[in-house]
Amino acid sequence: RAVAARAMERVDLAEADYRNLLAIDPPYQPAVINLANLLRSVGRASEAGMLLQNGASLWPEDATLLFAWGSFLQEEGDLEKAIDLYRRLLLKHPDHAAASDNLATAYRRTGHWEEAITLLRQAATSRPDDAAPWIQLGHAYLEQEDDRLALDAMRQVVRC
């Protein structure tokens, strides 16, 4: 019902439904994430952040919550905290492709080029049919003004 209320732009009803659901089943991570997204969409980012941080603290093994918290931090510009969170997530869930991709993006945005390129090469090698790491790798090389390696990476995209 909360999803339908949000679709009808009934923020108050959607928020109440998500909060009621969390009162009944606090570890229900889709409700935590959806409520945080709702709060953020109506300009209540600090509340959304606290909700995600609390969820990630209560369920530190939950990859979905950790990823959502890391993505929130990254979108809000707290890149160093996002990097730390993605690293912790990947220690527990090393095959979490989206966390790996976001970590590489955060590294690039903070100028940690060696870490970004190393991570992207690993991702491209372990996921050869996935264009995303090849695209990011190409952009990283372009940002480092290495046109030859950028072109090589982009050629791999075509092969995916």
N, C-alpha and C. Protein backbone atom coordinates (compact mmCIF):
# COMPACT_ATOMS: atom_id res chain seq x y z
N ARG A 1 0.81 -1.18 0.00
CA ARG A 1 0.00 0.00 0.00
C ARG A 1 0.87 1.26 0.00
N ALA A 2 2.00 1.21 0.71
CA ALA A 2 2.89 2.37 0.77
C ALA A 2 3.42 2.72 -0.62
N VAL A 3 3.75 1.72 -1.41
CA VAL A 3 4.25 1.96 -2.76
C VAL A 3 3.17 2.64 -3.60
N ALA A 4 1.94 2.16 -3.48
CA ALA A 4 0.83 2.76 -4.22
C ALA A 4 0.59 4.19 -3.77
N ALA A 5 0.65 4.42 -2.46
CA ALA A 5 0.46 5.79 -1.94
C ALA A 5 1.53 6.72 -2.47
N ARG A 6 2.75 6.24 -2.52
CA ARG A 6 3.82 7.09 -3.05
C ARG A 6 3.59 7.39 -4.53
N ALA A 7 3.16 6.39 -5.27
CA ALA A 7 2.90 6.59 -6.69
C ALA A 7 1.80 7.63 -6.91
N MET A 8 0.87 7.71 -5.96
CA MET A 8 -0.21 8.69 -6.05
C MET A 8 0.17 10.02 -5.40
N GLU A 9 1.47 10.14 -5.04
CA GLU A 9 2.02 11.34 -4.41
C GLU A 9 1.37 11.65 -3.07
N ARG A 10 0.96 10.61 -2.38
CA ARG A 10 0.43 10.74 -1.01
C ARG A 10 1.55 10.42 -0.05
N VAL A 11 2.48 11.36 0.07
CA VAL A 11 3.68 11.18 0.87
C VAL A 11 3.34 10.86 2.32
N ASP A 12 2.38 11.57 2.86
CA ASP A 12 2.00 11.36 4.25
C ASP A 12 1.53 9.93 4.50
N LEU A 13 0.67 9.42 3.63
CA LEU A 13 0.16 8.07 3.77
C LEU A 13 1.27 7.04 3.55
N ALA A 14 2.10 7.26 2.55
CA ALA A 14 3.20 6.33 2.28
C ALA A 14 4.15 6.28 3.47
N GLU A 15 4.51 7.44 3.99
CA GLU A 15 5.41 7.47 5.14
C GLU A 15 4.80 6.73 6.33
N ALA A 16 3.53 6.98 6.60
CA ALA A 16 2.87 6.31 7.73
C ALA A 16 2.86 4.80 7.53
N ASP A 17 2.59 4.35 6.31
CA ASP A 17 2.56 2.91 6.04
C ASP A 17 3.94 2.28 6.21
N TYR A 18 4.98 2.96 5.71
CA TYR A 18 6.34 2.42 5.89
C TYR A 18 6.70 2.37 7.37
N ARG A 19 6.37 3.40 8.10
CA ARG A 19 6.69 3.42 9.54
C ARG A 19 5.91 2.35 10.30
N ASN A 20 4.65 2.14 9.93
CA ASN A 20 3.86 1.07 10.56
C ASN A 20 4.47 -0.30 10.26
N LEU A 21 4.90 -0.48 9.03
CA LEU A 21 5.53 -1.74 8.66
C LEU A 21 6.81 -1.97 9.46
N LEU A 22 7.59 -0.93 9.62
CA LEU A 22 8.83 -1.05 10.38
C LEU A 22 8.57 -1.26 11.87
N ALA A 23 7.45 -0.77 12.37
CA ALA A 23 7.10 -1.03 13.77
C ALA A 23 6.75 -2.50 13.97
N ILE A 24 6.18 -3.11 12.95
CA ILE A 24 5.81 -4.53 13.03
C ILE A 24 7.02 -5.41 12.76
N ASP A 25 7.82 -5.04 11.74
CA ASP A 25 8.94 -5.88 11.30
C ASP A 25 10.17 -4.99 11.07
N PRO A 26 10.86 -4.59 12.17
CA PRO A 26 11.98 -3.65 12.04
C PRO A 26 13.10 -4.07 11.09
N PRO A 27 13.40 -5.35 10.94
CA PRO A 27 14.51 -5.66 10.04
C PRO A 27 14.11 -5.71 8.56
N TYR A 28 12.91 -5.31 8.22
CA TYR A 28 12.46 -5.40 6.84
C TYR A 28 13.15 -4.32 6.01
N GLN A 29 14.30 -4.69 5.42
CA GLN A 29 15.13 -3.70 4.76
C GLN A 29 14.48 -3.01 3.56
N PRO A 30 13.57 -3.65 2.78
CA PRO A 30 12.95 -2.87 1.71
C PRO A 30 12.17 -1.67 2.24
N ALA A 31 11.54 -1.82 3.40
CA ALA A 31 10.80 -0.69 3.96
C ALA A 31 11.76 0.41 4.42
N VAL A 32 12.89 0.02 5.00
CA VAL A 32 13.89 1.01 5.42
C VAL A 32 14.37 1.80 4.20
N ILE A 33 14.72 1.09 3.17
CA ILE A 33 15.26 1.75 1.97
C ILE A 33 14.19 2.59 1.28
N ASN A 34 12.99 2.05 1.14
CA ASN A 34 11.92 2.81 0.48
C ASN A 34 11.53 4.06 1.27
N LEU A 35 11.48 3.94 2.59
CA LEU A 35 11.17 5.11 3.41
C LEU A 35 12.28 6.15 3.29
N ALA A 36 13.52 5.70 3.30
CA ALA A 36 14.63 6.64 3.14
C ALA A 36 14.56 7.34 1.79
N ASN A 37 14.26 6.60 0.74
CA ASN A 37 14.13 7.21 -0.59
C ASN A 37 12.98 8.21 -0.63
N LEU A 38 11.88 7.88 0.02
CA LEU A 38 10.75 8.78 0.09
C LEU A 38 11.13 10.07 0.82
N LEU A 39 11.75 9.93 1.98
CA LEU A 39 12.15 11.10 2.76
C LEU A 39 13.10 11.98 1.97
N ARG A 40 14.05 11.36 1.31
CA ARG A 40 15.02 12.13 0.52
C ARG A 40 14.34 12.87 -0.62
N SER A 41 13.35 12.23 -1.23
CA SER A 41 12.67 12.84 -2.38
C SER A 41 11.85 14.07 -1.99
N VAL A 42 11.52 14.20 -0.71
CA VAL A 42 10.76 15.36 -0.27
C VAL A 42 11.62 16.32 0.56
N GLY A 43 12.94 16.24 0.36
CA GLY A 43 13.85 17.19 0.98
C GLY A 43 14.21 16.91 2.43
N ARG A 44 14.00 15.69 2.86
CA ARG A 44 14.32 15.32 4.23
C ARG A 44 15.52 14.37 4.25
N ALA A 45 16.59 14.81 3.61
CA ALA A 45 17.77 13.97 3.43
C ALA A 45 18.41 13.58 4.77
N SER A 46 18.44 14.48 5.71
CA SER A 46 19.08 14.14 6.99
C SER A 46 18.32 13.01 7.69
N GLU A 47 17.00 13.04 7.64
CA GLU A 47 16.21 11.94 8.21
C GLU A 47 16.47 10.64 7.45
N ALA A 48 16.51 10.75 6.14
CA ALA A 48 16.78 9.57 5.31
C ALA A 48 18.14 8.97 5.66
N GLY A 49 19.13 9.83 5.80
CA GLY A 49 20.47 9.37 6.14
C GLY A 49 20.51 8.68 7.49
N MET A 50 19.83 9.26 8.48
CA MET A 50 19.80 8.65 9.80
C MET A 50 19.12 7.28 9.76
N LEU A 51 18.06 7.18 8.99
CA LEU A 51 17.34 5.92 8.86
C LEU A 51 18.24 4.84 8.24
N LEU A 52 18.94 5.19 7.18
CA LEU A 52 19.84 4.24 6.53
C LEU A 52 21.02 3.89 7.43
N GLN A 53 21.58 4.88 8.09
CA GLN A 53 22.70 4.61 8.98
C GLN A 53 22.27 3.70 10.12
N ASN A 54 21.11 3.96 10.68
CA ASN A 54 20.60 3.12 11.75
C ASN A 54 20.37 1.69 11.25
N GLY A 55 19.77 1.56 10.07
CA GLY A 55 19.53 0.23 9.50
C GLY A 55 20.83 -0.52 9.27
N ALA A 56 21.82 0.17 8.72
CA ALA A 56 23.12 -0.46 8.46
C ALA A 56 23.82 -0.82 9.77
N SER A 57 23.60 -0.04 10.81
CA SER A 57 24.20 -0.35 12.12
C SER A 57 23.52 -1.54 12.76
N LEU A 58 22.20 -1.61 12.64
CA LEU A 58 21.46 -2.72 13.25
C LEU A 58 21.69 -4.04 12.52
N TRP A 59 21.87 -3.97 11.20
CA TRP A 59 22.05 -5.17 10.38
C TRP A 59 23.32 -5.04 9.54
N PRO A 60 24.49 -5.10 10.19
CA PRO A 60 25.74 -4.83 9.49
C PRO A 60 26.13 -5.89 8.45
N GLU A 61 25.43 -7.00 8.42
CA GLU A 61 25.72 -8.03 7.42
C GLU A 61 24.83 -7.89 6.19
N ASP A 62 23.86 -7.01 6.23
CA ASP A 62 22.89 -6.87 5.15
C ASP A 62 23.49 -6.05 4.01
N ALA A 63 23.86 -6.73 2.94
CA ALA A 63 24.52 -6.07 1.81
C ALA A 63 23.64 -5.01 1.17
N THR A 64 22.34 -5.25 1.12
CA THR A 64 21.44 -4.30 0.48
C THR A 64 21.38 -2.99 1.27
N LEU A 65 21.30 -3.10 2.59
CA LEU A 65 21.28 -1.89 3.42
C LEU A 65 22.61 -1.16 3.39
N LEU A 66 23.70 -1.91 3.46
CA LEU A 66 25.02 -1.27 3.39
C LEU A 66 25.20 -0.54 2.06
N PHE A 67 24.77 -1.18 1.00
CA PHE A 67 24.89 -0.56 -0.32
C PHE A 67 24.03 0.70 -0.39
N ALA A 68 22.81 0.63 0.11
CA ALA A 68 21.92 1.79 0.08
C ALA A 68 22.52 2.94 0.89
N TRP A 69 23.10 2.63 2.05
CA TRP A 69 23.72 3.66 2.88
C TRP A 69 24.92 4.27 2.15
N GLY A 70 25.74 3.41 1.55
CA GLY A 70 26.90 3.90 0.80
C GLY A 70 26.48 4.76 -0.38
N SER A 71 25.45 4.35 -1.09
CA SER A 71 24.96 5.14 -2.23
C SER A 71 24.44 6.49 -1.78
N PHE A 72 23.73 6.49 -0.66
CA PHE A 72 23.23 7.75 -0.10
C PHE A 72 24.39 8.68 0.21
N LEU A 73 25.40 8.15 0.91
CA LEU A 73 26.56 8.97 1.25
C LEU A 73 27.24 9.52 0.00
N GLN A 74 27.37 8.67 -1.00
CA GLN A 74 28.03 9.09 -2.24
C GLN A 74 27.22 10.18 -2.93
N GLU A 75 25.91 10.00 -3.00
CA GLU A 75 25.06 11.00 -3.65
C GLU A 75 25.05 12.33 -2.89
N GLU A 76 25.22 12.25 -1.58
CA GLU A 76 25.24 13.46 -0.76
C GLU A 76 26.63 14.11 -0.74
N GLY A 77 27.61 13.46 -1.38
CA GLY A 77 28.94 14.04 -1.50
C GLY A 77 29.91 13.66 -0.39
N ASP A 78 29.52 12.76 0.50
CA ASP A 78 30.41 12.32 1.57
C ASP A 78 31.20 11.11 1.06
N LEU A 79 32.12 11.40 0.16
CA LEU A 79 32.80 10.33 -0.58
C LEU A 79 33.73 9.49 0.29
N GLU A 80 34.42 10.09 1.23
CA GLU A 80 35.33 9.32 2.08
C GLU A 80 34.57 8.30 2.92
N LYS A 81 33.43 8.70 3.47
CA LYS A 81 32.61 7.75 4.23
C LYS A 81 32.04 6.67 3.32
N ALA A 82 31.63 7.07 2.11
CA ALA A 82 31.10 6.10 1.16
C ALA A 82 32.19 5.09 0.80
N ILE A 83 33.40 5.56 0.56
CA ILE A 83 34.51 4.67 0.24
C ILE A 83 34.73 3.68 1.37
N ASP A 84 34.76 4.16 2.60
CA ASP A 84 34.94 3.27 3.75
C ASP A 84 33.83 2.24 3.81
N LEU A 85 32.60 2.65 3.60
CA LEU A 85 31.48 1.72 3.66
C LEU A 85 31.54 0.68 2.54
N TYR A 86 31.83 1.11 1.32
CA TYR A 86 31.95 0.17 0.20
C TYR A 86 33.08 -0.84 0.45
N ARG A 87 34.17 -0.38 1.00
CA ARG A 87 35.28 -1.30 1.31
C ARG A 87 34.83 -2.37 2.30
N ARG A 88 34.14 -1.93 3.36
CA ARG A 88 33.64 -2.89 4.36
C ARG A 88 32.64 -3.85 3.74
N LEU A 89 31.76 -3.34 2.90
CA LEU A 89 30.77 -4.19 2.24
C LEU A 89 31.46 -5.24 1.37
N LEU A 90 32.47 -4.81 0.62
CA LEU A 90 33.16 -5.73 -0.28
C LEU A 90 34.00 -6.76 0.46
N LEU A 91 34.43 -6.45 1.68
CA LEU A 91 35.13 -7.46 2.49
C LEU A 91 34.18 -8.60 2.83
N LYS A 92 32.93 -8.27 3.10
CA LYS A 92 31.93 -9.28 3.47
C LYS A 92 31.27 -9.90 2.24
N HIS A 93 31.14 -9.12 1.18
CA HIS A 93 30.44 -9.55 -0.04
C HIS A 93 31.30 -9.19 -1.25
N PRO A 94 32.39 -9.91 -1.48
CA PRO A 94 33.34 -9.50 -2.53
C PRO A 94 32.77 -9.54 -3.96
N ASP A 95 31.66 -10.22 -4.16
CA ASP A 95 31.08 -10.29 -5.51
C ASP A 95 29.97 -9.27 -5.74
N HIS A 96 29.86 -8.29 -4.88
CA HIS A 96 28.81 -7.26 -5.01
C HIS A 96 29.25 -6.27 -6.09
N ALA A 97 28.82 -6.53 -7.32
CA ALA A 97 29.28 -5.75 -8.48
C ALA A 97 28.92 -4.27 -8.37
N ALA A 98 27.73 -3.96 -7.92
CA ALA A 98 27.32 -2.56 -7.84
C ALA A 98 28.16 -1.80 -6.82
N ALA A 99 28.50 -2.44 -5.71
CA ALA A 99 29.36 -1.78 -4.71
C ALA A 99 30.75 -1.56 -5.28
N SER A 100 31.25 -2.52 -6.02
CA SER A 100 32.55 -2.38 -6.66
C SER A 100 32.55 -1.21 -7.65
N ASP A 101 31.50 -1.13 -8.44
CA ASP A 101 31.39 -0.04 -9.42
C ASP A 101 31.28 1.31 -8.73
N ASN A 102 30.47 1.38 -7.67
CA ASN A 102 30.33 2.65 -6.95
C ASN A 102 31.62 3.04 -6.25
N LEU A 103 32.33 2.06 -5.71
CA LEU A 103 33.61 2.34 -5.07
C LEU A 103 34.58 2.92 -6.09
N ALA A 104 34.62 2.33 -7.27
CA ALA A 104 35.52 2.85 -8.31
C ALA A 104 35.15 4.28 -8.68
N THR A 105 33.86 4.57 -8.76
CA THR A 105 33.42 5.93 -9.07
C THR A 105 33.85 6.90 -7.97
N ALA A 106 33.67 6.48 -6.72
CA ALA A 106 34.08 7.33 -5.59
C ALA A 106 35.59 7.56 -5.60
N TYR A 107 36.34 6.51 -5.90
CA TYR A 107 37.79 6.67 -6.01
C TYR A 107 38.14 7.69 -7.09
N ARG A 108 37.50 7.57 -8.24
CA ARG A 108 37.77 8.50 -9.33
C ARG A 108 37.45 9.93 -8.92
N ARG A 109 36.31 10.12 -8.26
CA ARG A 109 35.88 11.47 -7.86
C ARG A 109 36.78 12.08 -6.80
N THR A 110 37.50 11.24 -6.05
CA THR A 110 38.39 11.77 -5.02
C THR A 110 39.85 11.76 -5.47
N GLY A 111 40.09 11.40 -6.72
CA GLY A 111 41.45 11.43 -7.24
C GLY A 111 42.32 10.26 -6.86
N HIS A 112 41.72 9.19 -6.37
CA HIS A 112 42.47 7.97 -6.04
C HIS A 112 42.53 7.11 -7.32
N TRP A 113 43.33 7.57 -8.27
CA TRP A 113 43.34 6.96 -9.60
C TRP A 113 43.86 5.54 -9.60
N GLU A 114 44.94 5.29 -8.88
CA GLU A 114 45.52 3.95 -8.87
C GLU A 114 44.51 2.93 -8.33
N GLU A 115 43.85 3.29 -7.22
CA GLU A 115 42.85 2.40 -6.63
C GLU A 115 41.68 2.18 -7.58
N ALA A 116 41.22 3.26 -8.21
CA ALA A 116 40.09 3.15 -9.13
C ALA A 116 40.43 2.25 -10.31
N ILE A 117 41.57 2.48 -10.92
CA ILE A 117 41.94 1.70 -12.10
C ILE A 117 42.19 0.24 -11.74
N THR A 118 42.83 -0.01 -10.61
CA THR A 118 43.04 -1.39 -10.17
C THR A 118 41.71 -2.10 -9.96
N LEU A 119 40.79 -1.45 -9.27
CA LEU A 119 39.48 -2.03 -9.01
C LEU A 119 38.72 -2.27 -10.32
N LEU A 120 38.78 -1.32 -11.22
CA LEU A 120 38.07 -1.46 -12.49
C LEU A 120 38.67 -2.56 -13.36
N ARG A 121 39.98 -2.69 -13.35
CA ARG A 121 40.61 -3.80 -14.09
C ARG A 121 40.16 -5.14 -13.52
N GLN A 122 40.11 -5.24 -12.19
CA GLN A 122 39.65 -6.48 -11.56
C GLN A 122 38.21 -6.77 -11.94
N ALA A 123 37.36 -5.75 -11.90
CA ALA A 123 35.96 -5.93 -12.25
C ALA A 123 35.81 -6.33 -13.71
N ALA A 124 36.56 -5.68 -14.58
CA ALA A 124 36.47 -6.00 -16.01
C ALA A 124 36.95 -7.43 -16.27
N THR A 125 37.96 -7.86 -15.55
CA THR A 125 38.48 -9.22 -15.72
C THR A 125 37.49 -10.26 -15.19
N SER A 126 36.91 -9.97 -14.03
CA SER A 126 36.01 -10.94 -13.42
C SER A 126 34.62 -10.92 -14.05
N ARG A 127 34.28 -9.83 -14.73
CA ARG A 127 32.96 -9.71 -15.37
C ARG A 127 33.15 -9.29 -16.83
N PRO A 128 33.79 -10.14 -17.64
CA PRO A 128 34.17 -9.73 -19.00
C PRO A 128 32.98 -9.41 -19.91
N ASP A 129 31.80 -9.92 -19.60
CA ASP A 129 30.63 -9.65 -20.45
C ASP A 129 29.81 -8.46 -19.96
N ASP A 130 30.27 -7.82 -18.89
CA ASP A 130 29.57 -6.67 -18.33
C ASP A 130 30.25 -5.41 -18.83
N ALA A 131 29.52 -4.59 -19.53
CA ALA A 131 30.10 -3.38 -20.13
C ALA A 131 30.44 -2.31 -19.08
N ALA A 132 29.74 -2.30 -17.94
CA ALA A 132 29.89 -1.21 -16.96
C ALA A 132 31.33 -0.98 -16.52
N PRO A 133 32.07 -2.02 -16.08
CA PRO A 133 33.44 -1.72 -15.66
C PRO A 133 34.33 -1.28 -16.81
N TRP A 134 34.08 -1.80 -18.00
CA TRP A 134 34.88 -1.37 -19.16
C TRP A 134 34.63 0.10 -19.47
N ILE A 135 33.37 0.52 -19.39
CA ILE A 135 33.04 1.93 -19.65
C ILE A 135 33.72 2.82 -18.61
N GLN A 136 33.58 2.44 -17.34
CA GLN A 136 34.23 3.25 -16.30
C GLN A 136 35.74 3.27 -16.48
N LEU A 137 36.31 2.13 -16.84
CA LEU A 137 37.75 2.07 -17.05
C LEU A 137 38.16 3.00 -18.19
N GLY A 138 37.39 2.98 -19.27
CA GLY A 138 37.66 3.89 -20.38
C GLY A 138 37.62 5.35 -19.95
N HIS A 139 36.61 5.70 -19.16
CA HIS A 139 36.50 7.08 -18.68
C HIS A 139 37.66 7.43 -17.74
N ALA A 140 38.04 6.48 -16.89
CA ALA A 140 39.17 6.74 -15.98
C ALA A 140 40.44 7.01 -16.77
N TYR A 141 40.67 6.21 -17.81
CA TYR A 141 41.86 6.44 -18.64
C TYR A 141 41.78 7.78 -19.36
N LEU A 142 40.59 8.14 -19.85
CA LEU A 142 40.44 9.44 -20.50
C LEU A 142 40.74 10.57 -19.52
N GLU A 143 40.24 10.43 -18.29
CA GLU A 143 40.48 11.44 -17.26
C GLU A 143 41.97 11.54 -16.93
N GLN A 144 42.70 10.45 -17.14
CA GLN A 144 44.14 10.44 -16.91
C GLN A 144 44.91 10.76 -18.19
N GLU A 145 44.16 11.11 -19.25
CA GLU A 145 44.71 11.50 -20.54
C GLU A 145 45.54 10.39 -21.19
N ASP A 146 45.07 9.15 -20.99
CA ASP A 146 45.71 8.01 -21.65
C ASP A 146 44.74 7.51 -22.73
N ASP A 147 44.79 8.16 -23.88
CA ASP A 147 43.85 7.87 -24.95
C ASP A 147 43.96 6.43 -25.47
N ARG A 148 45.18 5.90 -25.52
CA ARG A 148 45.37 4.54 -26.04
C ARG A 148 44.66 3.52 -25.16
N LEU A 149 44.86 3.59 -23.84
CA LEU A 149 44.20 2.64 -22.94
C LEU A 149 42.70 2.89 -22.88
N ALA A 150 42.28 4.14 -23.00
CA ALA A 150 40.85 4.45 -23.03
C ALA A 150 40.21 3.79 -24.25
N LEU A 151 40.85 3.90 -25.39
CA LEU A 151 40.33 3.29 -26.60
C LEU A 151 40.29 1.78 -26.47
N ASP A 152 41.32 1.18 -25.90
CA ASP A 152 41.33 -0.27 -25.68
C ASP A 152 40.15 -0.71 -24.81
N ALA A 153 39.89 0.05 -23.75
CA ALA A 153 38.78 -0.29 -22.86
C ALA A 153 37.45 -0.15 -23.59
N MET A 154 37.29 0.90 -24.37
CA MET A 154 36.03 1.11 -25.08
C MET A 154 35.82 0.05 -26.17
N ARG A 155 36.91 -0.46 -26.72
CA ARG A 155 36.77 -1.56 -27.69
C ARG A 155 36.19 -2.79 -27.01
N GLN A 156 36.55 -2.98 -25.75
CA GLN A 156 36.02 -4.11 -25.00
C GLN A 156 34.51 -3.98 -24.77
N VAL A 157 34.04 -2.74 -24.66
CA VAL A 157 32.61 -2.50 -24.48
C VAL A 157 31.84 -3.08 -25.66
N VAL A 158 32.37 -2.87 -26.84
CA VAL A 158 31.71 -3.35 -28.06
C VAL A 158 31.63 -4.88 -28.05
N ARG A 159 32.57 -5.53 -27.42
CA ARG A 159 32.60 -7.00 -27.38
C ARG A 159 31.66 -7.59 -26.34
N CYS A 160 31.16 -6.76 -25.45
CA CYS A 160 30.28 -7.26 -24.38
C CYS A 160 28.91 -7.62 -24.90
